[in-house]
Amino acid sequence: MVKLIVTGFGKFGPVLINPTTKLATQLKDDPIVHTSFVLEVSAQGVRAALEPLWAEAKDDDETTVFVHLGVHDGTKTILLEQVGYNIANFRMPDEQGWVAQNEVIVADQPDSIRTHLPLETYHAALKADGLQVELSTDPGRYICNYTYFLSLVKAQQRVAKNQYALFVHVPPFSVIPEDEQLHSIKTLLGLLSTLDDANTPVAAHP
């Protein structure tokens, strides 16, 4: 069984109502989701909330996937982010007032890390279901990327090598309605729930 840990984000800057707050809250009751909760949009808040879960997962034999959801005001589709970057360069303060300026997130780590999940396969399956999903290699350099890179580093450090991380950017609900976004994310989680140690997914469920 795959342990799915889902996170959304709260408010930040001009975004007073973050769609991923609603998505993460609704996913709490999904039977295939181990836990789903909302992160504060701050570097310190992200670390405080996720460090205990990363530590727990490191010594767990069960396949674990951290799925982080964030909003992207400029996208017209849902984006599966393939890469996290080892740089924090904030265009605005985070919710605790920190403004990172081209700062390395984790010392002694590469400039970028690519998720080991078979996103091309997932993308094809989701597109075949008629969902508005695309691949991306640019998660920005704000808290979304900060969270993703940390999660990718933690996944690489797991002894059992069966921990994964994925960041998913979603547009505002005015672009893709809430029910459609929720369906798309649930379909993606269904794919992730079938992940085995050989990285062999099955087709998306209806």
C-alpha atoms as a PDB file:
ATOM      1  CA  MET A   1       0.000   0.000   0.000  1.00  0.00           C
ATOM      2  CA  VAL A   2       1.208   3.500  -0.859  1.00  0.00           C
ATOM      3  CA  LYS A   3       1.079   6.174   1.836  1.00  0.00           C
ATOM      4  CA  LEU A   4      -0.101   9.426   0.255  1.00  0.00           C
ATOM      5  CA  ILE A   5       0.647  12.621   2.190  1.00  0.00           C
ATOM      6  CA  VAL A   6      -1.013  15.673   0.632  1.00  0.00           C
ATOM      7  CA  THR A   7      -0.415  19.331   1.433  1.00  0.00           C
ATOM      8  CA  GLY A   8      -1.987  22.578   0.285  1.00  0.00           C
ATOM      9  CA  PHE A   9      -1.107  26.152   1.160  1.00  0.00           C
ATOM     10  CA  GLY A  10      -2.838  29.004   2.954  1.00  0.00           C
ATOM     11  CA  LYS A  11      -2.964  32.671   2.041  1.00  0.00           C
ATOM     12  CA  PHE A  12       0.009  34.736   0.897  1.00  0.00           C
ATOM     13  CA  GLY A  13       0.530  38.187  -0.562  1.00  0.00           C
ATOM     14  CA  PRO A  14      -2.481  39.135  -2.680  1.00  0.00           C
ATOM     15  CA  VAL A  15      -3.880  35.575  -2.574  1.00  0.00           C
ATOM     16  CA  LEU A  16      -6.307  35.694   0.335  1.00  0.00           C
ATOM     17  CA  ILE A  17      -8.206  32.551  -0.658  1.00  0.00           C
ATOM     18  CA  ASN A  18      -5.866  29.828  -1.878  1.00  0.00           C
ATOM     19  CA  PRO A  19      -7.623  27.120  -3.916  1.00  0.00           C
ATOM     20  CA  THR A  20      -5.248  24.498  -2.550  1.00  0.00           C
ATOM     21  CA  THR A  21      -6.567  25.188   0.948  1.00  0.00           C
ATOM     22  CA  LYS A  22      -9.951  23.911  -0.201  1.00  0.00           C
ATOM     23  CA  LEU A  23      -8.497  21.022  -2.185  1.00  0.00           C
ATOM     24  CA  ALA A  24      -6.336  19.782   0.695  1.00  0.00           C
ATOM     25  CA  THR A  25      -9.239  20.114   3.126  1.00  0.00           C
ATOM     26  CA  GLN A  26     -11.569  18.102   0.893  1.00  0.00           C
ATOM     27  CA  LEU A  27      -8.955  15.391   0.365  1.00  0.00           C
ATOM     28  CA  LYS A  28      -8.791  14.692   4.106  1.00  0.00           C
ATOM     29  CA  ASP A  29     -11.691  12.275   3.760  1.00  0.00           C
ATOM     30  CA  ASP A  30     -10.404  10.471   0.678  1.00  0.00           C
ATOM     31  CA  PRO A  31      -9.906   6.798   1.609  1.00  0.00           C
ATOM     32  CA  ILE A  32      -6.594   6.465  -0.242  1.00  0.00           C
ATOM     33  CA  VAL A  33      -5.053   9.551   1.407  1.00  0.00           C
ATOM     34  CA  HIS A  34      -3.068   8.961   4.604  1.00  0.00           C
ATOM     35  CA  THR A  35      -3.186  12.608   5.652  1.00  0.00           C
ATOM     36  CA  SER A  36      -3.937  15.962   4.035  1.00  0.00           C
ATOM     37  CA  PHE A  37      -3.387  19.375   5.575  1.00  0.00           C
ATOM     38  CA  VAL A  38      -2.625  23.028   4.873  1.00  0.00           C
ATOM     39  CA  LEU A  39       0.840  24.565   5.176  1.00  0.00           C
ATOM     40  CA  GLU A  40       1.630  28.141   6.099  1.00  0.00           C
ATOM     41  CA  VAL A  41       3.281  29.929   3.178  1.00  0.00           C
ATOM     42  CA  SER A  42       6.617  30.376   4.929  1.00  0.00           C
ATOM     43  CA  ALA A  43       9.934  28.568   4.906  1.00  0.00           C
ATOM     44  CA  GLN A  44       9.869  28.112   8.672  1.00  0.00           C
ATOM     45  CA  GLY A  45       6.259  26.940   8.634  1.00  0.00           C
ATOM     46  CA  VAL A  46       6.954  24.383   5.919  1.00  0.00           C
ATOM     47  CA  ARG A  47       9.917  22.917   7.769  1.00  0.00           C
ATOM     48  CA  ALA A  48       8.086  22.813  11.109  1.00  0.00           C
ATOM     49  CA  ALA A  49       5.105  20.989   9.624  1.00  0.00           C
ATOM     50  CA  LEU A  50       6.927  18.562   7.353  1.00  0.00           C
ATOM     51  CA  GLU A  51      10.130  17.677   9.220  1.00  0.00           C
ATOM     52  CA  PRO A  52       8.319  15.224  11.573  1.00  0.00           C
ATOM     53  CA  LEU A  53       6.632  13.527   8.597  1.00  0.00           C
ATOM     54  CA  TRP A  54       9.872  13.354   6.632  1.00  0.00           C
ATOM     55  CA  ALA A  55      11.640  11.872   9.670  1.00  0.00           C
ATOM     56  CA  GLU A  56       8.883   9.300  10.137  1.00  0.00           C
ATOM     57  CA  ALA A  57       8.931   8.363   6.461  1.00  0.00           C
ATOM     58  CA  LYS A  58      12.711   7.961   6.364  1.00  0.00           C
ATOM     59  CA  ASP A  59      12.572   4.891   8.599  1.00  0.00           C
ATOM     60  CA  ASP A  60       9.328   3.515   7.153  1.00  0.00           C
ATOM     61  CA  ASP A  61       9.379   0.591   4.719  1.00  0.00           C
ATOM     62  CA  GLU A  62       6.065   1.602   3.169  1.00  0.00           C
ATOM     63  CA  THR A  63       6.165   3.403  -0.169  1.00  0.00           C
ATOM     64  CA  THR A  64       5.413   7.058   0.572  1.00  0.00           C
ATOM     65  CA  VAL A  65       4.558   9.920  -1.767  1.00  0.00           C
ATOM     66  CA  PHE A  66       4.457  13.549  -0.652  1.00  0.00           C
ATOM     67  CA  VAL A  67       2.092  15.437  -2.962  1.00  0.00           C
ATOM     68  CA  HIS A  68       2.343  19.197  -2.553  1.00  0.00           C
ATOM     69  CA  LEU A  69      -0.345  21.423  -4.093  1.00  0.00           C
ATOM     70  CA  GLY A  70       0.194  25.111  -4.822  1.00  0.00           C
ATOM     71  CA  VAL A  71      -1.565  27.838  -6.790  1.00  0.00           C
ATOM     72  CA  HIS A  72      -0.141  29.422  -9.942  1.00  0.00           C
ATOM     73  CA  ASP A  73      -2.110  32.483 -11.038  1.00  0.00           C
ATOM     74  CA  GLY A  74      -0.569  32.432 -14.506  1.00  0.00           C
ATOM     75  CA  THR A  75      -1.448  28.902 -15.608  1.00  0.00           C
ATOM     76  CA  LYS A  76      -4.523  27.777 -17.523  1.00  0.00           C
ATOM     77  CA  THR A  77      -3.980  24.098 -16.729  1.00  0.00           C
ATOM     78  CA  ILE A  78      -2.900  21.880 -13.851  1.00  0.00           C
ATOM     79  CA  LEU A  79       0.896  21.507 -13.923  1.00  0.00           C
ATOM     80  CA  LEU A  80       2.882  18.451 -12.842  1.00  0.00           C
ATOM     81  CA  GLU A  81       6.230  19.901 -11.804  1.00  0.00           C
ATOM     82  CA  GLN A  82       9.128  17.671 -12.821  1.00  0.00           C
ATOM     83  CA  VAL A  83      12.032  19.514 -11.170  1.00  0.00           C
ATOM     84  CA  GLY A  84      12.828  21.327  -7.932  1.00  0.00           C
ATOM     85  CA  TYR A  85      15.656  23.892  -7.777  1.00  0.00           C
ATOM     86  CA  ASN A  86      18.145  24.522  -4.990  1.00  0.00           C
ATOM     87  CA  ILE A  87      17.582  28.252  -4.888  1.00  0.00           C
ATOM     88  CA  ALA A  88      15.181  30.474  -2.971  1.00  0.00           C
ATOM     89  CA  ASN A  89      14.525  33.842  -4.575  1.00  0.00           C
ATOM     90  CA  PHE A  90      11.295  35.314  -3.230  1.00  0.00           C
ATOM     91  CA  ARG A  91       9.397  37.971  -5.157  1.00  0.00           C
ATOM     92  CA  MET A  92       7.548  38.884  -1.946  1.00  0.00           C
ATOM     93  CA  PRO A  93       7.962  38.143   1.782  1.00  0.00           C
ATOM     94  CA  ASP A  94       6.698  34.806   3.008  1.00  0.00           C
ATOM     95  CA  GLU A  95       4.060  34.774   5.744  1.00  0.00           C
ATOM     96  CA  GLN A  96       6.732  35.178   8.417  1.00  0.00           C
ATOM     97  CA  GLY A  97       8.375  38.108   6.663  1.00  0.00           C
ATOM     98  CA  TRP A  98      11.401  36.372   5.125  1.00  0.00           C
ATOM     99  CA  VAL A  99      12.488  37.546   1.685  1.00  0.00           C
ATOM    100  CA  ALA A 100      15.083  35.113   0.348  1.00  0.00           C
ATOM    101  CA  GLN A 101      17.458  36.580  -2.223  1.00  0.00           C
ATOM    102  CA  ASN A 102      19.149  33.895  -4.328  1.00  0.00           C
ATOM    103  CA  GLU A 103      19.826  31.703  -1.293  1.00  0.00           C
ATOM    104  CA  VAL A 104      20.757  28.024  -1.473  1.00  0.00           C
ATOM    105  CA  ILE A 105      18.031  25.904   0.119  1.00  0.00           C
ATOM    106  CA  VAL A 106      20.170  22.908   1.111  1.00  0.00           C
ATOM    107  CA  ALA A 107      23.974  23.068   1.147  1.00  0.00           C
ATOM    108  CA  ASP A 108      25.933  20.264  -0.533  1.00  0.00           C
ATOM    109  CA  GLN A 109      23.009  19.390  -2.796  1.00  0.00           C
ATOM    110  CA  PRO A 110      22.817  19.737  -6.600  1.00  0.00           C
ATOM    111  CA  ASP A 111      21.366  22.777  -8.334  1.00  0.00           C
ATOM    112  CA  SER A 112      18.248  20.812  -9.195  1.00  0.00           C
ATOM    113  CA  ILE A 113      16.603  17.458  -8.493  1.00  0.00           C
ATOM    114  CA  ARG A 114      14.107  15.714 -10.757  1.00  0.00           C
ATOM    115  CA  THR A 115      11.336  13.629  -9.260  1.00  0.00           C
ATOM    116  CA  HIS A 116      11.695   9.887  -9.828  1.00  0.00           C
ATOM    117  CA  LEU A 117       7.975   9.503 -10.451  1.00  0.00           C
ATOM    118  CA  PRO A 118       7.031   8.538 -14.044  1.00  0.00           C
ATOM    119  CA  LEU A 119       5.291  11.827 -14.772  1.00  0.00           C
ATOM    120  CA  GLU A 120       5.260  11.331 -18.536  1.00  0.00           C
ATOM    121  CA  THR A 121       3.193   8.175 -18.040  1.00  0.00           C
ATOM    122  CA  TYR A 122       0.858   9.876 -15.584  1.00  0.00           C
ATOM    123  CA  HIS A 123       0.490  12.855 -17.905  1.00  0.00           C
ATOM    124  CA  ALA A 124      -0.517  10.615 -20.805  1.00  0.00           C
ATOM    125  CA  ALA A 125      -3.055   8.757 -18.653  1.00  0.00           C
ATOM    126  CA  LEU A 126      -4.589  11.971 -17.339  1.00  0.00           C
ATOM    127  CA  LYS A 127      -4.767  13.509 -20.818  1.00  0.00           C
ATOM    128  CA  ALA A 128      -6.439  10.337 -22.084  1.00  0.00           C
ATOM    129  CA  ASP A 129      -9.094  10.924 -19.421  1.00  0.00           C
ATOM    130  CA  GLY A 130      -9.689  14.378 -20.895  1.00  0.00           C
ATOM    131  CA  LEU A 131      -8.162  16.263 -17.959  1.00  0.00           C
ATOM    132  CA  GLN A 132      -6.455  19.658 -18.299  1.00  0.00           C
ATOM    133  CA  VAL A 133      -2.973  18.656 -17.164  1.00  0.00           C
ATOM    134  CA  GLU A 134       0.482  19.491 -18.522  1.00  0.00           C
ATOM    135  CA  LEU A 135       4.110  18.891 -17.543  1.00  0.00           C
ATOM    136  CA  SER A 136       6.291  21.740 -16.271  1.00  0.00           C
ATOM    137  CA  THR A 137       9.915  22.312 -15.337  1.00  0.00           C
ATOM    138  CA  ASP A 138       9.456  25.690 -13.651  1.00  0.00           C
ATOM    139  CA  PRO A 139       7.901  25.670 -10.163  1.00  0.00           C
ATOM    140  CA  GLY A 140       9.097  29.245  -9.575  1.00  0.00           C
ATOM    141  CA  ARG A 141      11.566  30.102  -6.816  1.00  0.00           C
ATOM    142  CA  TYR A 142       9.125  30.974  -4.040  1.00  0.00           C
ATOM    143  CA  ILE A 143       7.726  28.729  -1.292  1.00  0.00           C
ATOM    144  CA  CYS A 144       6.337  26.222  -3.806  1.00  0.00           C
ATOM    145  CA  ASN A 145       9.807  25.417  -5.110  1.00  0.00           C
ATOM    146  CA  TYR A 146      11.276  25.698  -1.602  1.00  0.00           C
ATOM    147  CA  THR A 147       8.894  22.993  -0.377  1.00  0.00           C
ATOM    148  CA  TYR A 148       9.408  20.806  -3.427  1.00  0.00           C
ATOM    149  CA  PHE A 149      13.195  20.870  -3.313  1.00  0.00           C
ATOM    150  CA  LEU A 150      13.259  20.006   0.391  1.00  0.00           C
ATOM    151  CA  SER A 151      10.837  17.147  -0.195  1.00  0.00           C
ATOM    152  CA  LEU A 152      12.912  15.825  -3.101  1.00  0.00           C
ATOM    153  CA  VAL A 153      16.061  15.910  -0.951  1.00  0.00           C
ATOM    154  CA  LYS A 154      14.313  13.982   1.821  1.00  0.00           C
ATOM    155  CA  ALA A 155      13.057  11.422  -0.693  1.00  0.00           C
ATOM    156  CA  GLN A 156      16.602  10.799  -1.918  1.00  0.00           C
ATOM    157  CA  GLN A 157      17.849  10.296   1.630  1.00  0.00           C
ATOM    158  CA  ARG A 158      15.426   7.484   2.418  1.00  0.00           C
ATOM    159  CA  VAL A 159      17.238   4.197   2.911  1.00  0.00           C
ATOM    160  CA  ALA A 160      14.531   2.071   1.272  1.00  0.00           C
ATOM    161  CA  LYS A 161      14.540   4.309  -1.848  1.00  0.00           C
ATOM    162  CA  ASN A 162      10.753   4.151  -2.108  1.00  0.00           C
ATOM    163  CA  GLN A 163       9.869   7.673  -1.064  1.00  0.00           C
ATOM    164  CA  TYR A 164       8.785  10.179  -3.673  1.00  0.00           C
ATOM    165  CA  ALA A 165       7.790  13.820  -3.964  1.00  0.00           C
ATOM    166  CA  LEU A 166       5.616  15.683  -6.433  1.00  0.00           C
ATOM    167  CA  PHE A 167       4.541  19.299  -6.716  1.00  0.00           C
ATOM    168  CA  VAL A 168       1.318  20.126  -8.530  1.00  0.00           C
ATOM    169  CA  HIS A 169       0.448  23.682  -9.506  1.00  0.00           C
ATOM    170  CA  VAL A 170      -3.221  24.513 -10.008  1.00  0.00           C
ATOM    171  CA  PRO A 171      -4.874  27.629 -11.449  1.00  0.00           C
ATOM    172  CA  PRO A 172      -7.516  29.693  -9.648  1.00  0.00           C
ATOM    173  CA  PHE A 173     -11.009  28.195  -9.544  1.00  0.00           C
ATOM    174  CA  SER A 174     -12.090  30.916 -11.990  1.00  0.00           C
ATOM    175  CA  VAL A 175      -9.941  29.166 -14.625  1.00  0.00           C
ATOM    176  CA  ILE A 176     -10.689  25.518 -13.803  1.00  0.00           C
ATOM    177  CA  PRO A 177     -13.685  25.033 -11.483  1.00  0.00           C
ATOM    178  CA  GLU A 178     -13.197  23.524  -8.044  1.00  0.00           C
ATOM    179  CA  ASP A 179     -15.034  20.268  -8.772  1.00  0.00           C
ATOM    180  CA  GLU A 180     -12.985  19.679 -11.919  1.00  0.00           C
ATOM    181  CA  GLN A 181      -9.723  20.363 -10.107  1.00  0.00           C
ATOM    182  CA  LEU A 182     -10.702  18.040  -7.282  1.00  0.00           C
ATOM    183  CA  HIS A 183     -11.555  15.291  -9.764  1.00  0.00           C
ATOM    184  CA  SER A 184      -8.211  15.764 -11.535  1.00  0.00           C
ATOM    185  CA  ILE A 185      -6.222  15.608  -8.297  1.00  0.00           C
ATOM    186  CA  LYS A 186      -8.153  12.542  -7.123  1.00  0.00           C
ATOM    187  CA  THR A 187      -7.434  10.833 -10.437  1.00  0.00           C
ATOM    188  CA  LEU A 188      -3.734  11.640 -10.063  1.00  0.00           C
ATOM    189  CA  LEU A 189      -3.751  10.292  -6.508  1.00  0.00           C
ATOM    190  CA  GLY A 190      -5.369   7.135  -7.825  1.00  0.00           C
ATOM    191  CA  LEU A 191      -2.406   6.686 -10.161  1.00  0.00           C
ATOM    192  CA  LEU A 192       0.065   7.334  -7.365  1.00  0.00           C
ATOM    193  CA  SER A 193      -1.684   4.827  -5.106  1.00  0.00           C
ATOM    194  CA  THR A 194      -0.754   2.048  -7.541  1.00  0.00           C
ATOM    195  CA  LEU A 195       2.935   2.931  -7.564  1.00  0.00           C
ATOM    196  CA  ASP A 196       5.103  -0.081  -6.856  1.00  0.00           C
ATOM    197  CA  ASP A 197       8.823  -0.341  -6.169  1.00  0.00           C
ATOM    198  CA  ALA A 198       9.517  -0.705  -9.880  1.00  0.00           C
ATOM    199  CA  ASN A 199       7.837   2.623 -10.706  1.00  0.00           C
ATOM    200  CA  THR A 200       5.172   0.847 -12.742  1.00  0.00           C
ATOM    201  CA  PRO A 201       1.847   2.692 -12.646  1.00  0.00           C
ATOM    202  CA  VAL A 202      -1.473   1.381 -13.880  1.00  0.00           C
ATOM    203  CA  ALA A 203      -4.085   3.233 -15.895  1.00  0.00           C
ATOM    204  CA  ALA A 204      -6.125   5.981 -14.323  1.00  0.00           C
ATOM    205  CA  HIS A 205      -9.361   4.924 -12.697  1.00  0.00           C
ATOM    206  CA  PRO A 206     -12.657   6.458 -13.867  1.00  0.00           C
END
